[in-house]
Amino acid sequence: ARSLGHKVIKPVPSLFTFDTKELVREGGTFHGLAGLSVQTARLTLTVSEEMKPPSADDLTEQPTSNDEASKPKKKKRKKKAPAITQEGPLLITHHGISGPATLRLSAFAARE
């Protein structure tokens, strides 16, 4: 693919349903709704920093000499958690939510 000028992007797992069993259980928001489908739903997922694996940018090198240890370190700004929104059909299952909107949301969130 590269020889033809295409950019190759490292694959990530995606296209998964959201396991929200706590919402389907008795007393949960989706209790008794398993099997219900909605034609147009808007789903928003906020990916918190705690959920994300560390990237190469998040890793810092340890100083190798006393000179480097005395240099002031840059403070990292805390990034605002990105929100990803998708619209489309939604299916409530006995495990959580699924359907085209959920699957598209998972595909985009996998890259965050």
C-alpha atoms as a PDB file:
ATOM      1  CA  ALA A   1       0.000   0.000   0.000  1.00  0.00           C
ATOM      2  CA  ARG A   2       2.830   2.420   0.832  1.00  0.00           C
ATOM      3  CA  SER A   3       4.427   1.792  -2.543  1.00  0.00           C
ATOM      4  CA  LEU A   4       1.223   3.089  -4.134  1.00  0.00           C
ATOM      5  CA  GLY A   5       1.328   6.268  -2.049  1.00  0.00           C
ATOM      6  CA  HIS A   6      -1.203   5.261   0.578  1.00  0.00           C
ATOM      7  CA  LYS A   7      -0.730   6.191   4.217  1.00  0.00           C
ATOM      8  CA  VAL A   8      -0.876   3.125   6.466  1.00  0.00           C
ATOM      9  CA  ILE A   9      -2.415   3.746   9.883  1.00  0.00           C
ATOM     10  CA  LYS A  10      -1.862   1.329  12.755  1.00  0.00           C
ATOM     11  CA  PRO A  11      -5.101  -0.641  13.291  1.00  0.00           C
ATOM     12  CA  VAL A  12      -6.980  -0.387  16.579  1.00  0.00           C
ATOM     13  CA  PRO A  13      -9.860  -2.511  17.856  1.00  0.00           C
ATOM     14  CA  SER A  14     -13.173  -0.874  17.115  1.00  0.00           C
ATOM     15  CA  LEU A  15     -16.766  -1.572  16.142  1.00  0.00           C
ATOM     16  CA  PHE A  16     -17.871  -2.809  19.530  1.00  0.00           C
ATOM     17  CA  THR A  17     -21.078  -2.403  21.481  1.00  0.00           C
ATOM     18  CA  PHE A  18     -21.139  -0.632  24.826  1.00  0.00           C
ATOM     19  CA  ASP A  19     -21.545  -2.935  27.815  1.00  0.00           C
ATOM     20  CA  THR A  20     -23.803  -1.016  30.178  1.00  0.00           C
ATOM     21  CA  LYS A  21     -25.306  -3.874  32.170  1.00  0.00           C
ATOM     22  CA  GLU A  22     -25.756  -1.607  35.191  1.00  0.00           C
ATOM     23  CA  LEU A  23     -28.237   0.483  33.172  1.00  0.00           C
ATOM     24  CA  VAL A  24     -30.211  -2.592  32.036  1.00  0.00           C
ATOM     25  CA  ARG A  25     -30.520  -4.117  35.514  1.00  0.00           C
ATOM     26  CA  GLU A  26     -33.585  -3.555  37.675  1.00  0.00           C
ATOM     27  CA  GLY A  27     -33.673   0.086  38.687  1.00  0.00           C
ATOM     28  CA  GLY A  28     -31.407   1.109  35.787  1.00  0.00           C
ATOM     29  CA  THR A  29     -32.316   3.650  33.117  1.00  0.00           C
ATOM     30  CA  PHE A  30     -32.751   0.973  30.415  1.00  0.00           C
ATOM     31  CA  HIS A  31     -34.425  -1.683  32.622  1.00  0.00           C
ATOM     32  CA  GLY A  32     -37.181  -3.466  30.682  1.00  0.00           C
ATOM     33  CA  LEU A  33     -36.188  -1.872  27.367  1.00  0.00           C
ATOM     34  CA  ALA A  34     -34.011  -4.692  25.931  1.00  0.00           C
ATOM     35  CA  GLY A  35     -34.990  -5.199  22.303  1.00  0.00           C
ATOM     36  CA  LEU A  36     -36.161  -1.622  21.832  1.00  0.00           C
ATOM     37  CA  SER A  37     -34.779   0.171  18.806  1.00  0.00           C
ATOM     38  CA  VAL A  38     -34.804   3.888  18.106  1.00  0.00           C
ATOM     39  CA  GLN A  39     -34.491   5.214  14.546  1.00  0.00           C
ATOM     40  CA  THR A  40     -32.669   8.422  15.412  1.00  0.00           C
ATOM     41  CA  ALA A  41     -30.624   8.773  18.572  1.00  0.00           C
ATOM     42  CA  ARG A  42     -27.764  11.091  19.478  1.00  0.00           C
ATOM     43  CA  LEU A  43     -24.964   9.451  21.465  1.00  0.00           C
ATOM     44  CA  THR A  44     -22.129  11.398  23.051  1.00  0.00           C
ATOM     45  CA  LEU A  45     -19.069   9.771  24.567  1.00  0.00           C
ATOM     46  CA  THR A  46     -16.539  11.706  26.608  1.00  0.00           C
ATOM     47  CA  VAL A  47     -13.176   9.960  26.748  1.00  0.00           C
ATOM     48  CA  SER A  48     -11.490  10.782  30.047  1.00  0.00           C
ATOM     49  CA  GLU A  49      -7.723  10.849  30.436  1.00  0.00           C
ATOM     50  CA  GLU A  50      -7.954   7.922  32.887  1.00  0.00           C
ATOM     51  CA  MET A  51      -9.482   5.742  30.163  1.00  0.00           C
ATOM     52  CA  LYS A  52      -6.786   6.472  27.608  1.00  0.00           C
ATOM     53  CA  PRO A  53      -3.564   4.451  27.451  1.00  0.00           C
ATOM     54  CA  PRO A  54      -0.397   6.558  27.703  1.00  0.00           C
ATOM     55  CA  SER A  55       1.019   7.775  24.408  1.00  0.00           C
ATOM     56  CA  ALA A  56       4.672   8.377  23.560  1.00  0.00           C
ATOM     57  CA  ASP A  57       4.087  12.087  24.227  1.00  0.00           C
ATOM     58  CA  ASP A  58       2.952  11.310  27.781  1.00  0.00           C
ATOM     59  CA  LEU A  59       6.181   9.533  28.650  1.00  0.00           C
ATOM     60  CA  THR A  60       9.035  11.643  29.978  1.00  0.00           C
ATOM     61  CA  GLU A  61      12.696  10.755  30.066  1.00  0.00           C
ATOM     62  CA  GLN A  62      14.500  10.699  33.395  1.00  0.00           C
ATOM     63  CA  PRO A  63      17.481  13.074  33.733  1.00  0.00           C
ATOM     64  CA  THR A  64      20.845  11.426  33.183  1.00  0.00           C
ATOM     65  CA  SER A  65      23.018  14.033  34.912  1.00  0.00           C
ATOM     66  CA  ASN A  66      22.804  16.571  37.701  1.00  0.00           C
ATOM     67  CA  ASP A  67      22.804  19.418  35.157  1.00  0.00           C
ATOM     68  CA  GLU A  68      19.611  18.113  33.592  1.00  0.00           C
ATOM     69  CA  ALA A  69      18.001  17.553  36.989  1.00  0.00           C
ATOM     70  CA  SER A  70      18.385  21.251  37.838  1.00  0.00           C
ATOM     71  CA  LYS A  71      16.593  22.436  34.684  1.00  0.00           C
ATOM     72  CA  PRO A  72      13.006  23.564  35.252  1.00  0.00           C
ATOM     73  CA  LYS A  73      10.483  21.073  33.917  1.00  0.00           C
ATOM     74  CA  LYS A  74       7.698  22.182  31.648  1.00  0.00           C
ATOM     75  CA  LYS A  75       4.264  21.939  33.164  1.00  0.00           C
ATOM     76  CA  LYS A  76       1.861  19.933  31.071  1.00  0.00           C
ATOM     77  CA  ARG A  77      -1.582  21.348  30.549  1.00  0.00           C
ATOM     78  CA  LYS A  78      -4.349  18.968  31.352  1.00  0.00           C
ATOM     79  CA  LYS A  79      -6.158  18.245  28.114  1.00  0.00           C
ATOM     80  CA  LYS A  80      -9.885  18.674  27.957  1.00  0.00           C
ATOM     81  CA  ALA A  81     -11.516  15.294  27.483  1.00  0.00           C
ATOM     82  CA  PRO A  82     -12.764  15.074  23.897  1.00  0.00           C
ATOM     83  CA  ALA A  83     -16.463  14.457  23.351  1.00  0.00           C
ATOM     84  CA  ILE A  84     -17.458  12.386  20.352  1.00  0.00           C
ATOM     85  CA  THR A  85     -21.048  12.472  19.077  1.00  0.00           C
ATOM     86  CA  GLN A  86     -22.815  10.236  16.575  1.00  0.00           C
ATOM     87  CA  GLU A  87     -26.413  10.118  15.399  1.00  0.00           C
ATOM     88  CA  GLY A  88     -28.328   7.208  13.961  1.00  0.00           C
ATOM     89  CA  PRO A  89     -30.239   4.051  14.828  1.00  0.00           C
ATOM     90  CA  LEU A  90     -29.784   2.674  18.349  1.00  0.00           C
ATOM     91  CA  LEU A  91     -30.637  -0.734  19.790  1.00  0.00           C
ATOM     92  CA  ILE A  92     -30.940  -1.419  23.510  1.00  0.00           C
ATOM     93  CA  THR A  93     -29.861  -4.990  24.274  1.00  0.00           C
ATOM     94  CA  HIS A  94     -29.758  -7.100  27.432  1.00  0.00           C
ATOM     95  CA  HIS A  95     -26.047  -6.128  27.727  1.00  0.00           C
ATOM     96  CA  GLY A  96     -26.246  -2.426  26.889  1.00  0.00           C
ATOM     97  CA  ILE A  97     -26.455  -0.461  23.657  1.00  0.00           C
ATOM     98  CA  SER A  98     -25.662  -1.368  20.072  1.00  0.00           C
ATOM     99  CA  GLY A  99     -26.678  -0.402  16.556  1.00  0.00           C
ATOM    100  CA  PRO A 100     -25.116   1.731  13.818  1.00  0.00           C
ATOM    101  CA  ALA A 101     -24.731   4.903  15.930  1.00  0.00           C
ATOM    102  CA  THR A 102     -22.996   2.944  18.708  1.00  0.00           C
ATOM    103  CA  LEU A 103     -20.676   1.143  16.311  1.00  0.00           C
ATOM    104  CA  ARG A 104     -19.656   4.388  14.564  1.00  0.00           C
ATOM    105  CA  LEU A 105     -19.088   6.019  17.952  1.00  0.00           C
ATOM    106  CA  SER A 106     -16.826   3.148  19.017  1.00  0.00           C
ATOM    107  CA  ALA A 107     -14.842   3.379  15.778  1.00  0.00           C
ATOM    108  CA  PHE A 108     -14.123   7.096  16.265  1.00  0.00           C
ATOM    109  CA  ALA A 109     -13.467   6.707  20.013  1.00  0.00           C
ATOM    110  CA  ALA A 110     -10.916   3.957  19.378  1.00  0.00           C
ATOM    111  CA  ARG A 111      -8.695   6.532  17.672  1.00  0.00           C
ATOM    112  CA  GLU A 112      -8.857   9.029  20.567  1.00  0.00           C
END
